[in-house]
């Protein structure tokens, strides 16, 4: 799965934000650093398992916690029509 639209993720004053650079989605997505990293992973076609493995190399968190975070973000993106399967 991957993002349906290209998003530009940036950090402004300590807050992560994503804005679309193409497509039909209009708005700003505010997020934490983990969500920003998940979005960056979704720029290419990756499975949830691969995303969890990539995050595990960066964050000191359990695989279960990372898996839950990835699942929550993906669910939200799906609900908003931002994921291509």
N, C-alpha and C. Protein backbone atom coordinates (compact mmCIF):
# COMPACT_ATOMS: atom_id res chain seq x y z
N UNK A 1 0.84 -1.17 0.00
CA UNK A 1 0.00 0.00 0.00
C UNK A 1 0.88 1.23 0.00
N UNK A 2 0.33 2.32 -0.48
CA UNK A 2 1.07 3.58 -0.47
C UNK A 2 0.08 4.73 -0.49
N UNK A 3 0.61 5.93 -0.32
CA UNK A 3 -0.23 7.11 -0.32
C UNK A 3 -0.85 7.32 -1.70
N UNK A 4 -2.09 7.73 -1.71
CA UNK A 4 -2.80 8.00 -2.96
C UNK A 4 -2.32 9.30 -3.58
N UNK A 5 -1.97 10.26 -2.75
CA UNK A 5 -1.50 11.56 -3.21
C UNK A 5 -0.13 11.84 -2.63
N UNK A 6 0.66 12.61 -3.35
CA UNK A 6 1.95 13.00 -2.83
C UNK A 6 1.76 14.07 -1.77
N UNK A 7 2.36 13.85 -0.60
CA UNK A 7 2.29 14.81 0.49
C UNK A 7 3.69 15.29 0.82
N UNK A 8 3.82 16.54 1.11
CA UNK A 8 5.08 17.11 1.56
C UNK A 8 5.03 17.22 3.08
N UNK A 9 5.91 16.47 3.75
CA UNK A 9 5.96 16.48 5.21
C UNK A 9 7.06 17.43 5.64
N UNK A 10 6.72 18.32 6.57
CA UNK A 10 7.70 19.29 7.06
C UNK A 10 7.52 19.51 8.56
N UNK A 11 8.54 20.02 9.18
CA UNK A 11 8.50 20.33 10.61
C UNK A 11 8.60 21.85 10.77
N UNK A 12 7.59 22.43 11.40
CA UNK A 12 7.56 23.88 11.61
C UNK A 12 7.34 24.14 13.09
N UNK A 13 8.26 24.85 13.70
CA UNK A 13 8.18 25.17 15.13
C UNK A 13 7.92 23.93 15.98
N UNK A 14 8.60 22.84 15.66
CA UNK A 14 8.48 21.61 16.44
C UNK A 14 7.26 20.77 16.15
N UNK A 15 6.43 21.19 15.20
CA UNK A 15 5.22 20.44 14.86
C UNK A 15 5.32 19.93 13.42
N UNK A 16 4.99 18.66 13.24
CA UNK A 16 5.02 18.07 11.90
C UNK A 16 3.70 18.31 11.20
N UNK A 17 3.81 18.64 9.90
CA UNK A 17 2.63 18.88 9.08
C UNK A 17 2.86 18.29 7.70
N UNK A 18 1.76 17.90 7.07
CA UNK A 18 1.83 17.42 5.69
C UNK A 18 0.81 18.20 4.88
N UNK A 19 1.23 18.59 3.69
CA UNK A 19 0.33 19.26 2.76
C UNK A 19 0.42 18.54 1.42
N UNK A 20 -0.70 18.43 0.72
CA UNK A 20 -0.68 17.75 -0.57
C UNK A 20 0.04 18.58 -1.62
N UNK A 21 0.79 17.90 -2.47
CA UNK A 21 1.44 18.59 -3.58
C UNK A 21 0.77 18.24 -4.90
N UNK A 22 -0.23 17.34 -4.82
CA UNK A 22 -0.99 16.94 -6.00
C UNK A 22 -2.28 16.28 -5.55
N UNK A 23 -3.18 16.03 -6.47
CA UNK A 23 -4.38 15.27 -6.16
C UNK A 23 -5.54 16.11 -5.68
N UNK A 24 -6.58 15.41 -5.25
CA UNK A 24 -7.84 16.04 -4.89
C UNK A 24 -7.94 16.40 -3.41
N UNK A 25 -7.03 15.91 -2.60
CA UNK A 25 -7.08 16.20 -1.17
C UNK A 25 -6.57 17.61 -0.93
N UNK A 26 -7.34 18.38 -0.16
CA UNK A 26 -6.94 19.75 0.17
C UNK A 26 -6.99 19.91 1.68
N UNK A 27 -5.92 20.33 2.25
CA UNK A 27 -5.88 20.54 3.69
C UNK A 27 -4.48 20.33 4.23
N UNK A 28 -4.38 20.48 5.51
CA UNK A 28 -3.11 20.28 6.22
C UNK A 28 -3.34 19.19 7.25
N UNK A 29 -2.41 18.26 7.32
CA UNK A 29 -2.47 17.19 8.31
C UNK A 29 -1.42 17.49 9.37
N UNK A 30 -1.85 17.64 10.60
CA UNK A 30 -0.92 17.84 11.71
C UNK A 30 -0.66 16.49 12.36
N UNK A 31 0.59 16.26 12.76
CA UNK A 31 0.94 14.93 13.25
C UNK A 31 2.15 14.97 14.15
N UNK A 32 2.41 13.82 14.79
CA UNK A 32 3.63 13.68 15.58
C UNK A 32 4.74 13.11 14.70
N UNK A 33 5.91 12.96 15.26
CA UNK A 33 7.07 12.50 14.50
C UNK A 33 6.89 11.08 13.97
N UNK A 34 6.29 10.21 14.77
CA UNK A 34 6.07 8.82 14.33
C UNK A 34 5.16 8.78 13.12
N UNK A 35 4.08 9.54 13.15
CA UNK A 35 3.17 9.58 12.01
C UNK A 35 3.87 10.14 10.78
N UNK A 36 4.71 11.15 10.97
CA UNK A 36 5.47 11.70 9.85
C UNK A 36 6.37 10.62 9.24
N UNK A 37 7.00 9.82 10.07
CA UNK A 37 7.85 8.74 9.55
C UNK A 37 7.03 7.68 8.83
N UNK A 38 5.84 7.39 9.33
CA UNK A 38 4.96 6.43 8.66
C UNK A 38 4.56 6.97 7.29
N UNK A 39 4.21 8.24 7.21
CA UNK A 39 3.85 8.84 5.92
C UNK A 39 5.02 8.77 4.94
N UNK A 40 6.22 9.03 5.43
CA UNK A 40 7.40 8.94 4.56
C UNK A 40 7.56 7.52 4.02
N UNK A 41 7.31 6.52 4.87
CA UNK A 41 7.38 5.13 4.42
C UNK A 41 6.34 4.85 3.34
N UNK A 42 5.18 5.46 3.46
CA UNK A 42 4.09 5.21 2.53
C UNK A 42 4.24 5.94 1.20
N UNK A 43 5.35 6.64 1.02
CA UNK A 43 5.61 7.26 -0.28
C UNK A 43 5.91 6.18 -1.32
N UNK A 44 6.35 5.01 -0.86
CA UNK A 44 6.57 3.86 -1.73
C UNK A 44 5.64 2.75 -1.28
N UNK A 45 5.49 1.75 -2.10
CA UNK A 45 4.56 0.65 -1.84
C UNK A 45 5.16 -0.32 -0.83
N UNK A 46 4.76 -0.18 0.44
CA UNK A 46 5.28 -1.03 1.51
C UNK A 46 4.14 -1.65 2.30
N UNK A 47 4.40 -2.82 2.86
CA UNK A 47 3.41 -3.47 3.72
C UNK A 47 3.53 -2.91 5.13
N UNK A 48 2.51 -3.17 5.95
CA UNK A 48 2.55 -2.73 7.34
C UNK A 48 3.75 -3.34 8.06
N UNK A 49 4.04 -4.60 7.79
CA UNK A 49 5.16 -5.27 8.45
C UNK A 49 6.50 -4.60 8.13
N UNK A 50 6.69 -4.19 6.90
CA UNK A 50 7.93 -3.52 6.52
C UNK A 50 8.02 -2.16 7.20
N UNK A 51 6.91 -1.44 7.27
CA UNK A 51 6.90 -0.14 7.94
C UNK A 51 7.26 -0.30 9.41
N UNK A 52 6.66 -1.30 10.07
CA UNK A 52 6.97 -1.57 11.48
C UNK A 52 8.46 -1.88 11.64
N UNK A 53 9.02 -2.69 10.76
CA UNK A 53 10.44 -3.04 10.84
C UNK A 53 11.32 -1.81 10.66
N UNK A 54 10.95 -0.91 9.74
CA UNK A 54 11.73 0.32 9.55
C UNK A 54 11.66 1.20 10.80
N UNK A 55 10.48 1.34 11.38
CA UNK A 55 10.33 2.17 12.58
C UNK A 55 11.10 1.58 13.76
N UNK A 56 11.18 0.27 13.81
CA UNK A 56 11.89 -0.40 14.92
C UNK A 56 13.38 -0.07 14.92
N UNK A 57 13.92 0.33 13.77
CA UNK A 57 15.33 0.71 13.73
C UNK A 57 15.56 2.13 14.22
N UNK A 58 14.45 2.90 14.35
CA UNK A 58 14.56 4.30 14.74
C UNK A 58 14.08 4.55 16.17
N UNK A 59 13.00 3.86 16.56
CA UNK A 59 12.35 4.13 17.84
C UNK A 59 12.62 3.03 18.85
N UNK A 60 12.77 3.43 20.10
CA UNK A 60 12.93 2.50 21.21
C UNK A 60 11.55 2.16 21.75
N UNK A 61 10.84 1.33 21.00
CA UNK A 61 9.48 0.93 21.37
C UNK A 61 9.31 -0.54 21.00
N UNK A 62 8.35 -1.17 21.64
CA UNK A 62 8.10 -2.58 21.34
C UNK A 62 7.48 -2.71 19.95
N UNK A 63 7.68 -3.87 19.36
CA UNK A 63 7.10 -4.14 18.06
C UNK A 63 5.58 -4.03 18.12
N UNK A 64 4.99 -4.50 19.22
CA UNK A 64 3.54 -4.42 19.38
C UNK A 64 3.06 -2.96 19.39
N UNK A 65 3.77 -2.10 20.12
CA UNK A 65 3.38 -0.68 20.16
C UNK A 65 3.52 -0.04 18.78
N UNK A 66 4.61 -0.36 18.09
CA UNK A 66 4.80 0.19 16.75
C UNK A 66 3.72 -0.31 15.79
N UNK A 67 3.38 -1.60 15.89
CA UNK A 67 2.36 -2.18 15.03
C UNK A 67 1.01 -1.48 15.26
N UNK A 68 0.69 -1.20 16.53
CA UNK A 68 -0.56 -0.49 16.85
C UNK A 68 -0.56 0.92 16.26
N UNK A 69 0.57 1.61 16.40
CA UNK A 69 0.68 2.97 15.86
C UNK A 69 0.51 2.98 14.35
N UNK A 70 1.19 2.05 13.67
CA UNK A 70 1.09 1.97 12.21
C UNK A 70 -0.34 1.66 11.79
N UNK A 71 -0.99 0.71 12.47
CA UNK A 71 -2.36 0.33 12.14
C UNK A 71 -3.32 1.51 12.34
N UNK A 72 -3.14 2.29 13.39
CA UNK A 72 -4.01 3.44 13.65
C UNK A 72 -3.85 4.51 12.56
N UNK A 73 -2.61 4.78 12.18
CA UNK A 73 -2.36 5.80 11.16
C UNK A 73 -2.94 5.34 9.82
N UNK A 74 -2.70 4.09 9.47
CA UNK A 74 -3.20 3.57 8.20
C UNK A 74 -4.74 3.57 8.19
N UNK A 75 -5.35 3.21 9.30
CA UNK A 75 -6.81 3.24 9.38
C UNK A 75 -7.34 4.66 9.14
N UNK A 76 -6.71 5.63 9.76
CA UNK A 76 -7.11 7.03 9.58
C UNK A 76 -6.93 7.47 8.13
N UNK A 77 -5.80 7.11 7.54
CA UNK A 77 -5.55 7.47 6.14
C UNK A 77 -6.57 6.81 5.21
N UNK A 78 -6.89 5.55 5.48
CA UNK A 78 -7.91 4.84 4.68
C UNK A 78 -9.26 5.53 4.81
N UNK A 79 -9.64 5.87 6.04
CA UNK A 79 -10.93 6.51 6.28
C UNK A 79 -11.05 7.85 5.55
N UNK A 80 -9.90 8.47 5.29
CA UNK A 80 -9.89 9.76 4.58
C UNK A 80 -9.55 9.62 3.09
N UNK A 81 -9.51 8.38 2.61
CA UNK A 81 -9.28 8.14 1.19
C UNK A 81 -7.89 8.48 0.70
N UNK A 82 -6.88 8.35 1.59
CA UNK A 82 -5.53 8.74 1.24
C UNK A 82 -4.59 7.58 0.97
N UNK A 83 -5.11 6.34 0.96
CA UNK A 83 -4.28 5.14 0.76
C UNK A 83 -4.70 4.42 -0.51
N UNK A 84 -3.70 3.97 -1.27
CA UNK A 84 -3.95 3.06 -2.40
C UNK A 84 -3.49 1.68 -1.97
N UNK A 85 -4.32 0.71 -2.20
CA UNK A 85 -3.95 -0.68 -1.82
C UNK A 85 -3.15 -1.32 -2.92
